[in-house]
Amino acid sequence: MSGQSGDEAAKPKRDPLKLALWGVAGIGVAAVVYIIAQASQNPQQASDLKKLARGEMSKLTFPAEATVPPANSFVDASGAPVRIADFQGQVAVVNLWATWCAPCVIEMPTLAKLAASYEGKPVKVVTISIDRPADEEKARAFIAKHAPLAFYHDPKMALPFAFTPPAAGMPTTVIYGADGRERARLSGDADWSSAEAKAVIDKVLAGG
């Protein structure tokens, strides 16, 4: 017994408080390294995109932080629930529109042309109607005239308010990178078949 007591006395005692502090310090260093790494990449990406905010894309705005899309679901043409996050892995051009919105109706053919120009590439143009349930058939018929766009509907009209920040009006178009995070948005109508629009999509597609 006395021998064991001697061995134990010879061992240095570990201070639990010091160990905890070292652990916290390690986590803090890792967090700082991560933040520095992010800061070295994101500002350049945002800067490259901002340079493309001209012409038809002059109204583009850019998030202070690359936020994820709302968790709210909407429905596809068959009535199955869909979320914006379901399109992660490709560039998603999400357009909120309604049949009562004249600028929405005007720009829709250009969104159809944009979708057609990227067929076969990881780009998805997602046009979501926020029409009332009573106007669903009207919205379906309108989208049917603008292939290759598919019909999506938010019958609860809740999605515009779920974005961060909320959509400012109709139409609103939000562009997500393949990582599922917002890269840019545009409030109001635009010619999405323009060279300026394609330059923005190409940049996001390339990882910008």
N, C-alpha and C. Protein backbone atom coordinates (compact mmCIF):
# COMPACT_ATOMS: atom_id res chain seq x y z
N MET A 1 0.82 -1.21 0.00
CA MET A 1 0.00 0.00 0.00
C MET A 1 0.85 1.25 0.00
N SER A 2 1.94 1.24 0.83
CA SER A 2 2.79 2.42 0.92
C SER A 2 3.50 2.68 -0.39
N GLY A 3 3.86 1.53 -1.15
CA GLY A 3 4.54 1.71 -2.43
C GLY A 3 3.64 2.40 -3.45
N GLN A 4 2.37 1.99 -3.46
CA GLN A 4 1.44 2.61 -4.41
C GLN A 4 1.25 4.09 -4.09
N SER A 5 1.21 4.42 -2.80
CA SER A 5 1.03 5.82 -2.41
C SER A 5 2.20 6.65 -2.88
N GLY A 6 3.42 6.07 -2.82
CA GLY A 6 4.60 6.79 -3.26
C GLY A 6 4.57 7.07 -4.75
N ASP A 7 4.12 6.03 -5.54
CA ASP A 7 4.06 6.22 -6.99
C ASP A 7 3.06 7.29 -7.36
N GLU A 8 1.91 7.24 -6.67
CA GLU A 8 0.88 8.23 -6.96
C GLU A 8 1.34 9.63 -6.62
N ALA A 9 2.11 9.73 -5.52
CA ALA A 9 2.60 11.05 -5.10
C ALA A 9 3.61 11.59 -6.08
N ALA A 10 4.36 10.63 -6.76
CA ALA A 10 5.39 11.08 -7.70
C ALA A 10 4.81 11.59 -9.02
N LYS A 11 3.57 11.12 -9.35
CA LYS A 11 2.96 11.55 -10.60
C LYS A 11 2.47 12.98 -10.50
N PRO A 12 2.70 13.81 -11.52
CA PRO A 12 2.19 15.18 -11.49
C PRO A 12 0.67 15.16 -11.59
N LYS A 13 0.02 15.96 -10.83
CA LYS A 13 -1.44 16.04 -10.84
C LYS A 13 -1.90 16.91 -12.00
N ARG A 14 -2.93 16.42 -12.68
CA ARG A 14 -3.49 17.17 -13.80
C ARG A 14 -4.61 18.07 -13.28
N ASP A 15 -4.51 19.31 -13.66
CA ASP A 15 -5.52 20.28 -13.24
C ASP A 15 -6.65 20.28 -14.28
N PRO A 16 -7.86 19.80 -13.89
CA PRO A 16 -8.99 19.75 -14.85
C PRO A 16 -9.31 21.11 -15.45
N LEU A 17 -9.15 22.18 -14.68
CA LEU A 17 -9.45 23.51 -15.18
C LEU A 17 -8.50 23.90 -16.29
N LYS A 18 -7.19 23.58 -16.09
CA LYS A 18 -6.21 23.91 -17.12
C LYS A 18 -6.48 23.12 -18.40
N LEU A 19 -6.84 21.84 -18.22
CA LEU A 19 -7.14 21.01 -19.40
C LEU A 19 -8.33 21.58 -20.18
N ALA A 20 -9.35 22.02 -19.45
CA ALA A 20 -10.53 22.60 -20.09
C ALA A 20 -10.18 23.87 -20.84
N LEU A 21 -9.32 24.70 -20.20
CA LEU A 21 -8.92 25.95 -20.84
C LEU A 21 -8.12 25.70 -22.11
N TRP A 22 -7.24 24.69 -22.06
CA TRP A 22 -6.47 24.35 -23.26
C TRP A 22 -7.40 23.86 -24.37
N GLY A 23 -8.43 23.09 -23.99
CA GLY A 23 -9.39 22.60 -24.98
C GLY A 23 -10.13 23.74 -25.64
N VAL A 24 -10.59 24.69 -24.82
CA VAL A 24 -11.29 25.86 -25.35
C VAL A 24 -10.38 26.66 -26.26
N ALA A 25 -9.12 26.81 -25.85
CA ALA A 25 -8.16 27.57 -26.65
C ALA A 25 -7.95 26.90 -28.00
N GLY A 26 -7.90 25.55 -27.99
CA GLY A 26 -7.72 24.83 -29.25
C GLY A 26 -8.88 25.04 -30.19
N ILE A 27 -10.09 25.00 -29.64
CA ILE A 27 -11.29 25.24 -30.46
C ILE A 27 -11.27 26.66 -31.01
N GLY A 28 -10.85 27.62 -30.16
CA GLY A 28 -10.80 29.02 -30.59
C GLY A 28 -9.83 29.22 -31.73
N VAL A 29 -8.66 28.58 -31.66
CA VAL A 29 -7.66 28.69 -32.72
C VAL A 29 -8.23 28.12 -34.02
N ALA A 30 -8.91 26.97 -33.92
CA ALA A 30 -9.49 26.34 -35.11
C ALA A 30 -10.54 27.25 -35.73
N ALA A 31 -11.33 27.89 -34.88
CA ALA A 31 -12.38 28.80 -35.38
C ALA A 31 -11.77 29.99 -36.10
N VAL A 32 -10.70 30.54 -35.53
CA VAL A 32 -10.02 31.69 -36.14
C VAL A 32 -9.44 31.30 -37.50
N VAL A 33 -8.83 30.12 -37.57
CA VAL A 33 -8.25 29.65 -38.82
C VAL A 33 -9.33 29.51 -39.88
N TYR A 34 -10.51 28.95 -39.46
CA TYR A 34 -11.62 28.78 -40.39
C TYR A 34 -12.12 30.13 -40.91
N ILE A 35 -12.28 31.08 -39.99
CA ILE A 35 -12.77 32.40 -40.37
C ILE A 35 -11.81 33.09 -41.33
N ILE A 36 -10.52 32.97 -41.05
CA ILE A 36 -9.52 33.57 -41.93
C ILE A 36 -9.58 32.94 -43.31
N ALA A 37 -9.74 31.60 -43.34
CA ALA A 37 -9.82 30.89 -44.62
C ALA A 37 -11.03 31.34 -45.41
N GLN A 38 -12.17 31.48 -44.72
CA GLN A 38 -13.38 31.92 -45.39
C GLN A 38 -13.22 33.35 -45.91
N ALA A 39 -12.64 34.20 -45.09
CA ALA A 39 -12.48 35.60 -45.46
C ALA A 39 -11.56 35.76 -46.66
N SER A 40 -10.63 34.81 -46.80
CA SER A 40 -9.69 34.91 -47.92
C SER A 40 -10.33 34.49 -49.24
N GLN A 41 -11.50 33.79 -49.16
CA GLN A 41 -12.14 33.31 -50.38
C GLN A 41 -13.41 34.10 -50.71
N ASN A 42 -14.32 34.20 -49.78
CA ASN A 42 -15.63 34.76 -50.05
C ASN A 42 -15.62 36.20 -50.57
N PRO A 43 -14.81 37.11 -49.99
CA PRO A 43 -14.81 38.48 -50.52
C PRO A 43 -14.43 38.53 -51.99
N GLN A 44 -13.48 37.71 -52.42
CA GLN A 44 -13.07 37.71 -53.81
C GLN A 44 -14.19 37.21 -54.71
N GLN A 45 -14.88 36.13 -54.26
CA GLN A 45 -15.99 35.59 -55.03
C GLN A 45 -17.09 36.63 -55.18
N ALA A 46 -17.42 37.29 -54.06
CA ALA A 46 -18.47 38.31 -54.08
C ALA A 46 -18.07 39.47 -54.97
N SER A 47 -16.78 39.85 -54.91
CA SER A 47 -16.28 40.96 -55.71
C SER A 47 -16.38 40.63 -57.20
N ASP A 48 -16.06 39.41 -57.57
CA ASP A 48 -16.13 39.00 -58.97
C ASP A 48 -17.56 39.07 -59.49
N LEU A 49 -18.52 38.66 -58.65
CA LEU A 49 -19.92 38.72 -59.05
C LEU A 49 -20.40 40.16 -59.15
N LYS A 50 -20.00 40.99 -58.21
CA LYS A 50 -20.43 42.39 -58.22
C LYS A 50 -20.00 43.11 -59.49
N LYS A 51 -18.88 42.70 -60.03
CA LYS A 51 -18.40 43.32 -61.27
C LYS A 51 -19.35 43.04 -62.43
N LEU A 52 -20.17 41.99 -62.28
CA LEU A 52 -21.08 41.61 -63.36
C LEU A 52 -22.46 42.25 -63.20
N ALA A 53 -22.64 43.05 -62.17
CA ALA A 53 -23.93 43.72 -61.93
C ALA A 53 -24.04 44.95 -62.81
N ARG A 54 -24.31 44.71 -64.05
CA ARG A 54 -24.43 45.82 -65.01
C ARG A 54 -25.46 45.44 -66.06
N GLY A 55 -25.90 46.43 -66.82
CA GLY A 55 -26.90 46.17 -67.84
C GLY A 55 -28.17 45.59 -67.24
N GLU A 56 -28.64 44.49 -67.79
CA GLU A 56 -29.86 43.84 -67.30
C GLU A 56 -29.70 43.32 -65.88
N MET A 57 -28.47 43.17 -65.42
CA MET A 57 -28.21 42.68 -64.07
C MET A 57 -27.82 43.80 -63.11
N SER A 58 -28.06 45.04 -63.48
CA SER A 58 -27.64 46.17 -62.65
C SER A 58 -28.35 46.23 -61.30
N LYS A 59 -29.51 45.56 -61.19
CA LYS A 59 -30.26 45.58 -59.93
C LYS A 59 -29.90 44.42 -59.01
N LEU A 60 -28.89 43.65 -59.38
CA LEU A 60 -28.47 42.54 -58.52
C LEU A 60 -28.00 43.04 -57.16
N THR A 61 -28.38 42.33 -56.12
CA THR A 61 -27.85 42.59 -54.78
C THR A 61 -27.19 41.32 -54.27
N PHE A 62 -26.32 41.48 -53.29
CA PHE A 62 -25.53 40.35 -52.83
C PHE A 62 -25.64 40.23 -51.31
N PRO A 63 -25.84 39.02 -50.79
CA PRO A 63 -26.02 38.85 -49.34
C PRO A 63 -24.73 39.11 -48.57
N ALA A 64 -24.88 39.67 -47.38
CA ALA A 64 -23.72 39.87 -46.52
C ALA A 64 -23.13 38.53 -46.12
N GLU A 65 -23.99 37.54 -45.97
CA GLU A 65 -23.57 36.17 -45.67
C GLU A 65 -24.26 35.24 -46.66
N ALA A 66 -23.58 34.18 -47.04
CA ALA A 66 -24.14 33.23 -47.99
C ALA A 66 -25.17 32.36 -47.28
N THR A 67 -26.41 32.80 -47.24
CA THR A 67 -27.45 32.12 -46.47
C THR A 67 -28.03 30.92 -47.23
N VAL A 68 -28.59 29.99 -46.45
CA VAL A 68 -29.25 28.83 -47.03
C VAL A 68 -30.70 29.20 -47.37
N PRO A 69 -31.35 28.46 -48.24
CA PRO A 69 -32.73 28.80 -48.63
C PRO A 69 -33.73 28.49 -47.52
N PRO A 70 -34.94 29.03 -47.64
CA PRO A 70 -35.98 28.73 -46.64
C PRO A 70 -36.28 27.23 -46.61
N ALA A 71 -36.70 26.76 -45.45
CA ALA A 71 -37.06 25.34 -45.31
C ALA A 71 -38.49 25.08 -45.78
N ASN A 72 -39.23 26.15 -46.06
CA ASN A 72 -40.63 26.01 -46.49
C ASN A 72 -40.73 25.16 -47.76
N SER A 73 -41.76 24.35 -47.81
CA SER A 73 -41.99 23.54 -49.00
C SER A 73 -43.04 24.19 -49.88
N PHE A 74 -42.98 23.86 -51.17
CA PHE A 74 -44.01 24.23 -52.14
C PHE A 74 -44.32 22.95 -52.89
N VAL A 75 -45.08 22.98 -53.95
CA VAL A 75 -45.43 21.74 -54.63
C VAL A 75 -45.08 21.81 -56.11
N ASP A 76 -44.83 20.63 -56.68
CA ASP A 76 -44.59 20.56 -58.11
C ASP A 76 -45.90 20.32 -58.84
N ALA A 77 -45.83 20.05 -60.13
CA ALA A 77 -47.04 19.90 -60.94
C ALA A 77 -47.91 18.73 -60.49
N SER A 78 -47.30 17.74 -59.86
CA SER A 78 -48.06 16.57 -59.40
C SER A 78 -48.60 16.75 -57.99
N GLY A 79 -48.23 17.87 -57.36
CA GLY A 79 -48.68 18.12 -55.99
C GLY A 79 -47.72 17.61 -54.93
N ALA A 80 -46.58 17.06 -55.35
CA ALA A 80 -45.59 16.55 -54.40
C ALA A 80 -44.81 17.71 -53.79
N PRO A 81 -44.50 17.62 -52.48
CA PRO A 81 -43.76 18.70 -51.84
C PRO A 81 -42.31 18.80 -52.32
N VAL A 82 -41.85 20.02 -52.46
CA VAL A 82 -40.49 20.30 -52.93
C VAL A 82 -39.93 21.42 -52.06
N ARG A 83 -38.61 21.39 -51.85
CA ARG A 83 -37.91 22.49 -51.18
C ARG A 83 -36.78 22.97 -52.08
N ILE A 84 -36.41 24.22 -51.93
CA ILE A 84 -35.31 24.75 -52.74
C ILE A 84 -34.04 23.94 -52.52
N ALA A 85 -33.85 23.47 -51.29
CA ALA A 85 -32.65 22.68 -50.97
C ALA A 85 -32.57 21.40 -51.80
N ASP A 86 -33.70 20.94 -52.34
CA ASP A 86 -33.69 19.73 -53.17
C ASP A 86 -32.88 19.91 -54.45
N PHE A 87 -32.63 21.16 -54.83
CA PHE A 87 -31.88 21.43 -56.06
C PHE A 87 -30.39 21.64 -55.80
N GLN A 88 -29.97 21.42 -54.55
CA GLN A 88 -28.55 21.57 -54.22
C GLN A 88 -27.72 20.61 -55.07
N GLY A 89 -26.56 21.07 -55.48
CA GLY A 89 -25.72 20.28 -56.37
C GLY A 89 -25.71 20.87 -57.77
N GLN A 90 -26.60 21.83 -57.99
CA GLN A 90 -26.63 22.56 -59.25
C GLN A 90 -26.95 24.02 -58.95
N VAL A 91 -26.70 24.87 -59.90
CA VAL A 91 -27.05 26.28 -59.73
C VAL A 91 -28.57 26.39 -59.87
N ALA A 92 -29.23 26.97 -58.88
CA ALA A 92 -30.68 27.12 -58.90
C ALA A 92 -31.04 28.59 -59.05
N VAL A 93 -31.78 28.89 -60.10
CA VAL A 93 -32.29 30.24 -60.33
C VAL A 93 -33.76 30.22 -59.94
N VAL A 94 -34.06 30.69 -58.73
CA VAL A 94 -35.40 30.60 -58.17
C VAL A 94 -36.16 31.90 -58.39
N ASN A 95 -37.26 31.80 -59.12
CA ASN A 95 -38.04 32.98 -59.49
C ASN A 95 -39.43 32.90 -58.85
N LEU A 96 -39.77 33.93 -58.07
CA LEU A 96 -41.10 34.03 -57.46
C LEU A 96 -41.96 34.91 -58.36
N TRP A 97 -43.13 34.42 -58.76
CA TRP A 97 -43.95 35.14 -59.71
C TRP A 97 -45.43 34.88 -59.45
N ALA A 98 -46.27 35.61 -60.16
CA ALA A 98 -47.72 35.40 -60.09
C ALA A 98 -48.36 35.92 -61.37
N THR A 99 -49.51 35.37 -61.72
CA THR A 99 -50.18 35.79 -62.95
C THR A 99 -50.70 37.22 -62.87
N TRP A 100 -50.94 37.71 -61.64
CA TRP A 100 -51.43 39.08 -61.49
C TRP A 100 -50.31 40.12 -61.56
N CYS A 101 -49.07 39.64 -61.66
CA CYS A 101 -47.89 40.52 -61.67
C CYS A 101 -47.44 40.74 -63.12
N ALA A 102 -47.72 41.93 -63.67
CA ALA A 102 -47.38 42.22 -65.07
C ALA A 102 -45.89 42.05 -65.38
N PRO A 103 -44.97 42.57 -64.56
CA PRO A 103 -43.55 42.37 -64.85
C PRO A 103 -43.15 40.90 -64.85
N CYS A 104 -43.80 40.10 -64.01
CA CYS A 104 -43.52 38.66 -63.97
C CYS A 104 -43.86 38.02 -65.31
N VAL A 105 -45.03 38.38 -65.82
CA VAL A 105 -45.50 37.84 -67.10
C VAL A 105 -44.58 38.26 -68.23
N ILE A 106 -44.10 39.49 -68.18
CA ILE A 106 -43.22 40.01 -69.23
C ILE A 106 -41.88 39.28 -69.26
N GLU A 107 -41.31 39.00 -68.08
CA GLU A 107 -39.96 38.41 -68.05
C GLU A 107 -39.96 36.89 -68.19
N MET A 108 -41.12 36.23 -68.04
CA MET A 108 -41.14 34.77 -68.06
C MET A 108 -40.55 34.15 -69.32
N PRO A 109 -40.83 34.68 -70.52
CA PRO A 109 -40.21 34.09 -71.72
C PRO A 109 -38.68 34.12 -71.67
N THR A 110 -38.12 35.13 -71.01
CA THR A 110 -36.66 35.21 -70.94
C THR A 110 -36.11 34.15 -69.97
N LEU A 111 -36.87 33.82 -68.95
CA LEU A 111 -36.46 32.74 -68.04
C LEU A 111 -36.52 31.40 -68.76
N ALA A 112 -37.52 31.24 -69.63
CA ALA A 112 -37.62 30.01 -70.41
C ALA A 112 -36.41 29.88 -71.34
N LYS A 113 -36.00 30.98 -71.96
CA LYS A 113 -34.83 30.96 -72.83
C LYS A 113 -33.56 30.65 -72.05
N LEU A 114 -33.48 31.20 -70.82
CA LEU A 114 -32.32 30.91 -69.97
C LEU A 114 -32.26 29.42 -69.65
N ALA A 115 -33.40 28.84 -69.27
CA ALA A 115 -33.45 27.42 -68.96
C ALA A 115 -33.05 26.57 -70.16
N ALA A 116 -33.54 26.95 -71.34
CA ALA A 116 -33.23 26.20 -72.55
C ALA A 116 -31.73 26.27 -72.89
N SER A 117 -31.13 27.42 -72.65
CA SER A 117 -29.72 27.60 -73.00
C SER A 117 -28.79 26.80 -72.09
N TYR A 118 -29.29 26.37 -70.92
CA TYR A 118 -28.45 25.59 -70.00
C TYR A 118 -28.89 24.14 -69.88
N GLU A 119 -29.74 23.69 -70.81
CA GLU A 119 -30.16 22.29 -70.77
C GLU A 119 -28.95 21.37 -70.92
N GLY A 120 -28.88 20.35 -70.09
CA GLY A 120 -27.74 19.44 -70.09
C GLY A 120 -26.63 19.86 -69.15
N LYS A 121 -26.80 21.04 -68.54
CA LYS A 121 -25.82 21.54 -67.57
C LYS A 121 -26.47 21.61 -66.19
N PRO A 122 -25.65 21.63 -65.13
CA PRO A 122 -26.21 21.65 -63.77
C PRO A 122 -26.77 23.02 -63.37
N VAL A 123 -27.77 23.46 -64.13
CA VAL A 123 -28.46 24.72 -63.86
C VAL A 123 -29.96 24.44 -63.92
N LYS A 124 -30.68 24.86 -62.89
CA LYS A 124 -32.12 24.65 -62.84
C LYS A 124 -32.84 25.97 -62.61
N VAL A 125 -33.75 26.31 -63.51
CA VAL A 125 -34.57 27.51 -63.36
C VAL A 125 -35.89 27.06 -62.72
N VAL A 126 -36.14 27.55 -61.52
CA VAL A 126 -37.30 27.11 -60.74
C VAL A 126 -38.25 28.29 -60.58
N THR A 127 -39.33 28.28 -61.35
CA THR A 127 -40.30 29.38 -61.31
C THR A 127 -41.46 28.95 -60.41
N ILE A 128 -41.64 29.65 -59.29
CA ILE A 128 -42.63 29.28 -58.28
C ILE A 128 -43.77 30.29 -58.26
N SER A 129 -44.94 29.84 -58.64
CA SER A 129 -46.12 30.70 -58.62
C SER A 129 -46.61 30.89 -57.19
N ILE A 130 -46.93 32.13 -56.84
CA ILE A 130 -47.54 32.39 -55.53
C ILE A 130 -49.01 32.81 -55.71
N ASP A 131 -49.58 32.38 -56.84
CA ASP A 131 -50.99 32.66 -57.08
C ASP A 131 -51.87 31.98 -56.04
N ARG A 132 -53.06 32.53 -55.86
CA ARG A 132 -54.03 31.92 -54.97
C ARG A 132 -54.42 30.54 -55.53
N PRO A 133 -54.83 29.62 -54.66
CA PRO A 133 -55.26 28.30 -55.14
C PRO A 133 -56.32 28.40 -56.23
N ALA A 134 -57.18 29.41 -56.15
CA ALA A 134 -58.23 29.57 -57.15
C ALA A 134 -57.67 29.89 -58.53
N ASP A 135 -56.43 30.41 -58.59
CA ASP A 135 -55.82 30.79 -59.87
C ASP A 135 -54.75 29.79 -60.32
N GLU A 136 -54.72 28.64 -59.67
CA GLU A 136 -53.68 27.65 -59.99
C GLU A 136 -53.74 27.22 -61.45
N GLU A 137 -54.91 26.92 -61.95
CA GLU A 137 -55.02 26.46 -63.34
C GLU A 137 -54.56 27.52 -64.33
N LYS A 138 -54.85 28.76 -64.02
CA LYS A 138 -54.40 29.87 -64.86
C LYS A 138 -52.87 29.92 -64.90
N ALA A 139 -52.26 29.73 -63.73
CA ALA A 139 -50.79 29.74 -63.64
C ALA A 139 -50.19 28.54 -64.37
N ARG A 140 -50.83 27.38 -64.24
CA ARG A 140 -50.36 26.18 -64.94
C ARG A 140 -50.37 26.39 -66.45
N ALA A 141 -51.46 26.94 -66.93
CA ALA A 141 -51.61 27.16 -68.37
C ALA A 141 -50.55 28.13 -68.89
N PHE A 142 -50.25 29.13 -68.08
CA PHE A 142 -49.26 30.12 -68.49
C PHE A 142 -47.87 29.50 -68.59
N ILE A 143 -47.48 28.72 -67.58
CA ILE A 143 -46.15 28.08 -67.59
C ILE A 143 -46.06 27.06 -68.71
N ALA A 144 -47.16 26.41 -69.02
CA ALA A 144 -47.17 25.40 -70.09
C ALA A 144 -46.77 26.00 -71.44
N LYS A 145 -46.96 27.31 -71.59
CA LYS A 145 -46.59 27.99 -72.82
C LYS A 145 -45.11 28.36 -72.87
N HIS A 146 -44.40 28.08 -71.77
CA HIS A 146 -43.00 28.52 -71.68
C HIS A 146 -42.06 27.37 -71.33
N ALA A 147 -42.09 26.36 -72.18
CA ALA A 147 -41.16 25.24 -72.04
C ALA A 147 -39.73 25.77 -72.19
N PRO A 148 -38.75 25.15 -71.48
CA PRO A 148 -38.85 23.93 -70.69
C PRO A 148 -39.16 24.16 -69.20
N LEU A 149 -39.72 25.31 -68.84
CA LEU A 149 -40.01 25.58 -67.44
C LEU A 149 -41.05 24.60 -66.91
N ALA A 150 -40.87 24.22 -65.65
CA ALA A 150 -41.83 23.34 -64.98
C ALA A 150 -42.69 24.16 -64.03
N PHE A 151 -43.87 23.64 -63.72
CA PHE A 151 -44.79 24.35 -62.85
C PHE A 151 -44.51 24.02 -61.38
N TYR A 152 -44.34 25.05 -60.58
CA TYR A 152 -44.23 24.92 -59.13
C TYR A 152 -45.17 25.95 -58.51
N HIS A 153 -45.74 25.60 -57.37
CA HIS A 153 -46.76 26.46 -56.78
C HIS A 153 -46.61 26.53 -55.27
N ASP A 154 -46.71 27.73 -54.73
CA ASP A 154 -46.72 27.95 -53.28
C ASP A 154 -48.13 28.42 -52.91
N PRO A 155 -49.07 27.49 -52.73
CA PRO A 155 -50.46 27.89 -52.49
C PRO A 155 -50.68 28.65 -51.19
N LYS A 156 -49.75 28.48 -50.25
CA LYS A 156 -49.88 29.21 -48.98
C LYS A 156 -49.35 30.63 -49.07
N MET A 157 -48.66 30.93 -50.18
CA MET A 157 -48.08 32.26 -50.40
C MET A 157 -47.18 32.69 -49.23
N ALA A 158 -46.45 31.71 -48.67
CA ALA A 158 -45.60 31.96 -47.51
C ALA A 158 -44.13 32.11 -47.86
N LEU A 159 -43.72 31.55 -49.00
CA LEU A 159 -42.30 31.52 -49.35
C LEU A 159 -41.65 32.90 -49.44
N PRO A 160 -42.31 33.91 -50.05
CA PRO A 160 -41.65 35.22 -50.15
C PRO A 160 -41.22 35.80 -48.81
N PHE A 161 -41.96 35.46 -47.74
CA PHE A 161 -41.66 36.00 -46.42
C PHE A 161 -40.64 35.16 -45.66
N ALA A 162 -40.30 34.00 -46.21
CA ALA A 162 -39.40 33.08 -45.52
C ALA A 162 -37.94 33.30 -45.88
N PHE A 163 -37.69 34.07 -46.94
CA PHE A 163 -36.30 34.36 -47.32
C PHE A 163 -35.67 35.31 -46.31
N THR A 164 -34.33 35.32 -46.28
CA THR A 164 -33.58 36.23 -45.41
C THR A 164 -32.71 37.13 -46.28
N PRO A 165 -33.09 38.44 -46.44
CA PRO A 165 -34.34 39.06 -45.98
C PRO A 165 -35.50 38.63 -46.85
N PRO A 166 -36.74 38.96 -46.45
CA PRO A 166 -37.90 38.57 -47.25
C PRO A 166 -37.84 39.18 -48.65
N ALA A 167 -38.51 38.54 -49.59
CA ALA A 167 -38.57 39.06 -50.95
C ALA A 167 -39.24 40.43 -50.93
N ALA A 168 -38.65 41.38 -51.64
CA ALA A 168 -39.12 42.77 -51.60
C ALA A 168 -40.38 42.98 -52.43
N GLY A 169 -40.67 42.11 -53.36
CA GLY A 169 -41.84 42.26 -54.22
C GLY A 169 -41.81 41.20 -55.30
N MET A 170 -42.69 41.32 -56.28
CA MET A 170 -42.75 40.38 -57.37
C MET A 170 -42.40 41.11 -58.67
N PRO A 171 -41.61 40.47 -59.53
CA PRO A 171 -40.94 39.20 -59.30
C PRO A 171 -39.67 39.39 -58.47
N THR A 172 -39.23 38.33 -57.84
CA THR A 172 -37.92 38.28 -57.18
C THR A 172 -37.22 37.02 -57.64
N THR A 173 -35.97 37.16 -58.02
CA THR A 173 -35.19 36.01 -58.48
C THR A 173 -33.96 35.87 -57.60
N VAL A 174 -33.79 34.68 -57.03
CA VAL A 174 -32.67 34.40 -56.12
C VAL A 174 -31.80 33.31 -56.75
N ILE A 175 -30.51 33.57 -56.80
CA ILE A 175 -29.57 32.63 -57.42
C ILE A 175 -28.78 31.91 -56.33
N TYR A 176 -28.83 30.58 -56.38
CA TYR A 176 -28.10 29.75 -55.41
C TYR A 176 -26.97 29.01 -56.11
N GLY A 177 -25.83 28.91 -55.42
CA GLY A 177 -24.72 28.13 -55.94
C GLY A 177 -24.97 26.65 -55.73
N ALA A 178 -24.09 25.82 -56.28
CA ALA A 178 -24.24 24.37 -56.14
C ALA A 178 -24.17 23.92 -54.69
N ASP A 179 -23.58 24.75 -53.83
CA ASP A 179 -23.50 24.41 -52.41
C ASP A 179 -24.81 24.73 -51.67
N GLY A 180 -25.80 25.24 -52.40
CA GLY A 180 -27.09 25.52 -51.79
C GLY A 180 -27.18 26.85 -51.07
N ARG A 181 -26.20 27.72 -51.25
CA ARG A 181 -26.21 29.02 -50.57
C ARG A 181 -26.44 30.16 -51.57
N GLU A 182 -27.13 31.18 -51.07
CA GLU A 182 -27.49 32.31 -51.93
C GLU A 182 -26.24 33.08 -52.38
N ARG A 183 -26.19 33.36 -53.69
CA ARG A 183 -25.10 34.14 -54.25
C ARG A 183 -25.54 35.56 -54.60
N ALA A 184 -26.78 35.68 -55.09
CA ALA A 184 -27.27 37.01 -55.51
C ALA A 184 -28.77 36.94 -55.65
N ARG A 185 -29.39 38.11 -55.69
CA ARG A 185 -30.83 38.17 -55.98
C ARG A 185 -31.14 39.46 -56.72
N LEU A 186 -32.28 39.43 -57.40
CA LEU A 186 -32.70 40.60 -58.17
C LEU A 186 -34.19 40.81 -57.93
N SER A 187 -34.53 41.99 -57.47
CA SER A 187 -35.93 42.35 -57.25
C SER A 187 -36.42 43.14 -58.46
N GLY A 188 -37.52 42.69 -59.04
CA GLY A 188 -38.02 43.31 -60.25
C GLY A 188 -37.72 42.44 -61.46
N ASP A 189 -38.18 42.86 -62.61
CA ASP A 189 -38.00 42.06 -63.82
C ASP A 189 -36.67 42.36 -64.49
N ALA A 190 -36.25 41.41 -65.31
CA ALA A 190 -35.00 41.57 -66.07
C ALA A 190 -35.08 40.65 -67.28
N ASP A 191 -34.18 40.88 -68.22
CA ASP A 191 -34.08 39.99 -69.37
C ASP A 191 -33.07 38.90 -69.03
N TRP A 192 -33.59 37.73 -68.62
CA TRP A 192 -32.71 36.64 -68.19
C TRP A 192 -32.09 35.88 -69.35
N SER A 193 -32.44 36.26 -70.57
CA SER A 193 -31.79 35.65 -71.73
C SER A 193 -30.63 36.51 -72.23
N SER A 194 -30.38 37.62 -71.54
CA SER A 194 -29.33 38.56 -71.96
C SER A 194 -27.93 38.01 -71.69
N ALA A 195 -26.97 38.61 -72.36
CA ALA A 195 -25.57 38.22 -72.15
C ALA A 195 -25.13 38.51 -70.72
N GLU A 196 -25.64 39.60 -70.16
CA GLU A 196 -25.28 39.95 -68.77
C GLU A 196 -25.77 38.88 -67.80
N ALA A 197 -26.99 38.38 -68.00
CA ALA A 197 -27.54 37.35 -67.12
C ALA A 197 -26.73 36.06 -67.24
N LYS A 198 -26.40 35.68 -68.45
CA LYS A 198 -25.65 34.45 -68.66
C LYS A 198 -24.24 34.55 -68.07
N ALA A 199 -23.67 35.75 -68.08
CA ALA A 199 -22.35 35.93 -67.48
C ALA A 199 -22.41 35.67 -65.98
N VAL A 200 -23.49 36.12 -65.34
CA VAL A 200 -23.66 35.88 -63.90
C VAL A 200 -23.84 34.40 -63.62
N ILE A 201 -24.70 33.74 -64.37
CA ILE A 201 -24.94 32.31 -64.17
C ILE A 201 -23.66 31.52 -64.41
N ASP A 202 -22.93 31.87 -65.46
CA ASP A 202 -21.67 31.18 -65.76
C ASP A 202 -20.67 31.33 -64.60
N LYS A 203 -20.65 32.52 -64.01
CA LYS A 203 -19.71 32.76 -62.91
C LYS A 203 -20.08 31.91 -61.69
N VAL A 204 -21.37 31.86 -61.38
CA VAL A 204 -21.82 31.03 -60.25
C VAL A 204 -21.58 29.56 -60.56
N LEU A 205 -21.83 29.18 -61.79
CA LEU A 205 -21.62 27.78 -62.22
C LEU A 205 -20.15 27.38 -62.08
N ALA A 206 -19.26 28.34 -62.30
CA ALA A 206 -17.82 28.06 -62.18
C ALA A 206 -17.34 28.09 -60.73
N GLY A 207 -18.26 28.35 -59.81
CA GLY A 207 -17.90 28.36 -58.40
C GLY A 207 -17.70 29.73 -57.83
N GLY A 208 -18.03 30.78 -58.60
CA GLY A 208 -17.85 32.14 -58.15
C GLY A 208 -18.96 32.61 -57.24
